[in-house]
Amino acid sequence: AAEEHGYSATRHQREVGAGYFDEVAQAVTGGDSSLAALAGSTEAQQFARG
């Protein structure tokens, strides 16, 4: 409901491009980066769409 009024904290990592930087880190490390923002994290569910 708050998102309808401009609240965007629930989408913060997506807004700041965390996914892009995760992809870069994975490419640079050959897929062995432990710094991914969401993959396998306990917060992944709260940032999921839907």
PDB file of N, CA and C in Angstrom:
ATOM      1  N   ALA A   1       0.826  -1.194   0.000  1.00  0.00           N
ATOM      2  CA  ALA A   1       0.000   0.000   0.000  1.00  0.00           C
ATOM      3  C   ALA A   1       0.868   1.255   0.000  1.00  0.00           C
ATOM      4  N   ALA A   2       1.943   1.229   0.772  1.00  0.00           N
ATOM      5  CA  ALA A   2       2.807   2.406   0.856  1.00  0.00           C
ATOM      6  C   ALA A   2       3.505   2.681  -0.473  1.00  0.00           C
ATOM      7  N   GLU A   3       3.768   1.628  -1.246  1.00  0.00           N
ATOM      8  CA  GLU A   3       4.431   1.824  -2.538  1.00  0.00           C
ATOM      9  C   GLU A   3       3.579   2.669  -3.478  1.00  0.00           C
ATOM     10  N   GLU A   4       2.283   2.593  -3.327  1.00  0.00           N
ATOM     11  CA  GLU A   4       1.392   3.417  -4.153  1.00  0.00           C
ATOM     12  C   GLU A   4       1.619   4.900  -3.902  1.00  0.00           C
ATOM     13  N   HIS A   5       2.184   5.212  -2.741  1.00  0.00           N
ATOM     14  CA  HIS A   5       2.435   6.605  -2.366  1.00  0.00           C
ATOM     15  C   HIS A   5       3.913   6.970  -2.443  1.00  0.00           C
ATOM     16  N   GLY A   6       4.695   6.151  -3.151  1.00  0.00           N
ATOM     17  CA  GLY A   6       6.092   6.488  -3.382  1.00  0.00           C
ATOM     18  C   GLY A   6       7.111   5.810  -2.484  1.00  0.00           C
ATOM     19  N   TYR A   7       6.676   5.019  -1.518  1.00  0.00           N
ATOM     20  CA  TYR A   7       7.612   4.313  -0.631  1.00  0.00           C
ATOM     21  C   TYR A   7       8.299   3.219  -1.426  1.00  0.00           C
ATOM     22  N   SER A   8       9.619   3.237  -1.455  1.00  0.00           N
ATOM     23  CA  SER A   8      10.324   2.281  -2.308  1.00  0.00           C
ATOM     24  C   SER A   8      11.399   1.481  -1.579  1.00  0.00           C
ATOM     25  N   ALA A   9      11.448   1.528  -0.271  1.00  0.00           N
ATOM     26  CA  ALA A   9      12.502   0.826   0.465  1.00  0.00           C
ATOM     27  C   ALA A   9      12.487  -0.671   0.201  1.00  0.00           C
ATOM     28  N   THR A  10      11.333  -1.242  -0.067  1.00  0.00           N
ATOM     29  CA  THR A  10      11.262  -2.684  -0.317  1.00  0.00           C
ATOM     30  C   THR A  10      11.892  -3.065  -1.639  1.00  0.00           C
ATOM     31  N   ARG A  11      12.143  -2.092  -2.498  1.00  0.00           N
ATOM     32  CA  ARG A  11      12.783  -2.357  -3.785  1.00  0.00           C
ATOM     33  C   ARG A  11      14.198  -1.782  -3.832  1.00  0.00           C
ATOM     34  N   HIS A  12      14.726  -1.377  -2.707  1.00  0.00           N
ATOM     35  CA  HIS A  12      15.987  -0.633  -2.667  1.00  0.00           C
ATOM     36  C   HIS A  12      17.113  -1.324  -3.426  1.00  0.00           C
ATOM     37  N   GLN A  13      17.367  -2.599  -3.159  1.00  0.00           N
ATOM     38  CA  GLN A  13      18.501  -3.241  -3.821  1.00  0.00           C
ATOM     39  C   GLN A  13      18.310  -3.285  -5.323  1.00  0.00           C
ATOM     40  N   ARG A  14      17.097  -3.471  -5.768  1.00  0.00           N
ATOM     41  CA  ARG A  14      16.832  -3.472  -7.208  1.00  0.00           C
ATOM     42  C   ARG A  14      17.046  -2.065  -7.771  1.00  0.00           C
ATOM     43  N   GLU A  15      16.623  -1.042  -7.029  1.00  0.00           N
ATOM     44  CA  GLU A  15      16.754   0.341  -7.496  1.00  0.00           C
ATOM     45  C   GLU A  15      18.207   0.780  -7.608  1.00  0.00           C
ATOM     46  N   VAL A  16      19.047   0.362  -6.701  1.00  0.00           N
ATOM     47  CA  VAL A  16      20.442   0.795  -6.732  1.00  0.00           C
ATOM     48  C   VAL A  16      21.298  -0.061  -7.649  1.00  0.00           C
ATOM     49  N   GLY A  17      20.685  -1.028  -8.298  1.00  0.00           N
ATOM     50  CA  GLY A  17      21.411  -1.830  -9.272  1.00  0.00           C
ATOM     51  C   GLY A  17      22.206  -2.975  -8.684  1.00  0.00           C
ATOM     52  N   ALA A  18      21.793  -3.480  -7.530  1.00  0.00           N
ATOM     53  CA  ALA A  18      22.532  -4.575  -6.896  1.00  0.00           C
ATOM     54  C   ALA A  18      22.670  -5.764  -7.837  1.00  0.00           C
ATOM     55  N   GLY A  19      21.633  -6.038  -8.605  1.00  0.00           N
ATOM     56  CA  GLY A  19      21.692  -7.166  -9.539  1.00  0.00           C
ATOM     57  C   GLY A  19      22.799  -7.002 -10.565  1.00  0.00           C
ATOM     58  N   TYR A  20      22.979  -5.786 -11.057  1.00  0.00           N
ATOM     59  CA  TYR A  20      24.037  -5.510 -12.030  1.00  0.00           C
ATOM     60  C   TYR A  20      25.405  -5.802 -11.425  1.00  0.00           C
ATOM     61  N   PHE A  21      25.636  -5.299 -10.218  1.00  0.00           N
ATOM     62  CA  PHE A  21      26.934  -5.494  -9.578  1.00  0.00           C
ATOM     63  C   PHE A  21      27.160  -6.955  -9.194  1.00  0.00           C
ATOM     64  N   ASP A  22      26.087  -7.671  -8.872  1.00  0.00           N
ATOM     65  CA  ASP A  22      26.210  -9.110  -8.635  1.00  0.00           C
ATOM     66  C   ASP A  22      26.695  -9.811  -9.896  1.00  0.00           C
ATOM     67  N   GLU A  23      26.119  -9.433 -11.039  1.00  0.00           N
ATOM     68  CA  GLU A  23      26.506 -10.058 -12.309  1.00  0.00           C
ATOM     69  C   GLU A  23      27.968  -9.758 -12.643  1.00  0.00           C
ATOM     70  N   VAL A  24      28.400  -8.523 -12.401  1.00  0.00           N
ATOM     71  CA  VAL A  24      29.796  -8.158 -12.653  1.00  0.00           C
ATOM     72  C   VAL A  24      30.714  -8.981 -11.743  1.00  0.00           C
ATOM     73  N   ALA A  25      30.369  -9.075 -10.470  1.00  0.00           N
ATOM     74  CA  ALA A  25      31.194  -9.839  -9.531  1.00  0.00           C
ATOM     75  C   ALA A  25      31.269 -11.303  -9.942  1.00  0.00           C
ATOM     76  N   GLN A  26      30.157 -11.858 -10.392  1.00  0.00           N
ATOM     77  CA  GLN A  26      30.150 -13.253 -10.832  1.00  0.00           C
ATOM     78  C   GLN A  26      31.024 -13.431 -12.071  1.00  0.00           C
ATOM     79  N   ALA A  27      30.975 -12.473 -12.983  1.00  0.00           N
ATOM     80  CA  ALA A  27      31.785 -12.558 -14.202  1.00  0.00           C
ATOM     81  C   ALA A  27      33.276 -12.459 -13.879  1.00  0.00           C
ATOM     82  N   VAL A  28      33.623 -11.542 -12.999  1.00  0.00           N
ATOM     83  CA  VAL A  28      35.025 -11.319 -12.655  1.00  0.00           C
ATOM     84  C   VAL A  28      35.612 -12.507 -11.891  1.00  0.00           C
ATOM     85  N   THR A  29      34.806 -13.122 -11.038  1.00  0.00           N
ATOM     86  CA  THR A  29      35.310 -14.221 -10.205  1.00  0.00           C
ATOM     87  C   THR A  29      35.027 -15.593 -10.800  1.00  0.00           C
ATOM     88  N   GLY A  30      34.505 -15.631 -11.999  1.00  0.00           N
ATOM     89  CA  GLY A  30      34.187 -16.918 -12.610  1.00  0.00           C
ATOM     90  C   GLY A  30      33.047 -17.633 -11.906  1.00  0.00           C
ATOM     91  N   GLY A  31      32.131 -16.868 -11.312  1.00  0.00           N
ATOM     92  CA  GLY A  31      30.974 -17.449 -10.639  1.00  0.00           C
ATOM     93  C   GLY A  31      31.229 -17.849  -9.204  1.00  0.00           C
ATOM     94  N   ASP A  32      32.340 -17.398  -8.636  1.00  0.00           N
ATOM     95  CA  ASP A  32      32.704 -17.808  -7.283  1.00  0.00           C
ATOM     96  C   ASP A  32      32.691 -16.638  -6.304  1.00  0.00           C
ATOM     97  N   SER A  33      31.819 -15.673  -6.531  1.00  0.00           N
ATOM     98  CA  SER A  33      31.752 -14.518  -5.644  1.00  0.00           C
ATOM     99  C   SER A  33      30.851 -14.814  -4.450  1.00  0.00           C
ATOM    100  N   SER A  34      31.313 -14.473  -3.266  1.00  0.00           N
ATOM    101  CA  SER A  34      30.501 -14.643  -2.062  1.00  0.00           C
ATOM    102  C   SER A  34      29.868 -13.322  -1.644  1.00  0.00           C
ATOM    103  N   LEU A  35      29.954 -12.323  -2.511  1.00  0.00           N
ATOM    104  CA  LEU A  35      29.465 -10.992  -2.166  1.00  0.00           C
ATOM    105  C   LEU A  35      28.122 -10.656  -2.800  1.00  0.00           C
ATOM    106  N   ALA A  36      27.447 -11.604  -3.386  1.00  0.00           N
ATOM    107  CA  ALA A  36      26.175 -11.340  -4.060  1.00  0.00           C
ATOM    108  C   ALA A  36      25.164 -10.758  -3.077  1.00  0.00           C
ATOM    109  N   ALA A  37      24.414  -9.776  -3.548  1.00  0.00           N
ATOM    110  CA  ALA A  37      23.481  -9.068  -2.680  1.00  0.00           C
ATOM    111  C   ALA A  37      22.291  -9.913  -2.258  1.00  0.00           C
ATOM    112  N   LEU A  38      21.758 -10.721  -3.143  1.00  0.00           N
ATOM    113  CA  LEU A  38      20.535 -11.433  -2.805  1.00  0.00           C
ATOM    114  C   LEU A  38      20.613 -12.945  -2.914  1.00  0.00           C
ATOM    115  N   ALA A  39      21.384 -13.449  -3.810  1.00  0.00           N
ATOM    116  CA  ALA A  39      21.359 -14.884  -4.079  1.00  0.00           C
ATOM    117  C   ALA A  39      21.592 -15.696  -2.814  1.00  0.00           C
ATOM    118  N   GLY A  40      20.588 -16.440  -2.418  1.00  0.00           N
ATOM    119  CA  GLY A  40      20.703 -17.289  -1.247  1.00  0.00           C
ATOM    120  C   GLY A  40      20.647 -16.561   0.084  1.00  0.00           C
ATOM    121  N   SER A  41      20.377 -15.278   0.071  1.00  0.00           N
ATOM    122  CA  SER A  41      20.353 -14.530   1.325  1.00  0.00           C
ATOM    123  C   SER A  41      19.019 -14.685   2.032  1.00  0.00           C
ATOM    124  N   THR A  42      19.020 -14.400   3.312  1.00  0.00           N
ATOM    125  CA  THR A  42      17.774 -14.469   4.075  1.00  0.00           C
ATOM    126  C   THR A  42      16.845 -13.320   3.713  1.00  0.00           C
ATOM    127  N   GLU A  43      17.376 -12.280   3.075  1.00  0.00           N
ATOM    128  CA  GLU A  43      16.545 -11.146   2.685  1.00  0.00           C
ATOM    129  C   GLU A  43      15.925 -11.300   1.305  1.00  0.00           C
ATOM    130  N   ALA A  44      16.328 -12.287   0.556  1.00  0.00           N
ATOM    131  CA  ALA A  44      15.854 -12.440  -0.820  1.00  0.00           C
ATOM    132  C   ALA A  44      14.335 -12.435  -0.901  1.00  0.00           C
ATOM    133  N   GLN A  45      13.676 -13.107   0.036  1.00  0.00           N
ATOM    134  CA  GLN A  45      12.218 -13.197  -0.005  1.00  0.00           C
ATOM    135  C   GLN A  45      11.559 -11.829   0.149  1.00  0.00           C
ATOM    136  N   GLN A  46      12.074 -10.976   1.022  1.00  0.00           N
ATOM    137  CA  GLN A  46      11.423  -9.694   1.244  1.00  0.00           C
ATOM    138  C   GLN A  46      11.595  -8.744   0.063  1.00  0.00           C
ATOM    139  N   PHE A  47      12.542  -9.023  -0.828  1.00  0.00           N
ATOM    140  CA  PHE A  47      12.727  -8.176  -1.993  1.00  0.00           C
ATOM    141  C   PHE A  47      12.104  -8.774  -3.245  1.00  0.00           C
ATOM    142  N   ALA A  48      11.467  -9.926  -3.107  1.00  0.00           N
ATOM    143  CA  ALA A  48      10.847 -10.589  -4.254  1.00  0.00           C
ATOM    144  C   ALA A  48       9.608  -9.828  -4.695  1.00  0.00           C
ATOM    145  N   ARG A  49       9.360  -9.860  -5.974  1.00  0.00           N
ATOM    146  CA  ARG A  49       8.146  -9.223  -6.503  1.00  0.00           C
ATOM    147  C   ARG A  49       6.951 -10.122  -6.235  1.00  0.00           C
ATOM    148  N   GLY A  50       5.794  -9.473  -6.117  1.00  0.00           N
ATOM    149  CA  GLY A  50       4.563 -10.246  -6.003  1.00  0.00           C
ATOM    150  C   GLY A  50       4.155 -10.403  -4.650  1.00  0.00           C
TER     151      GLY A  50
END
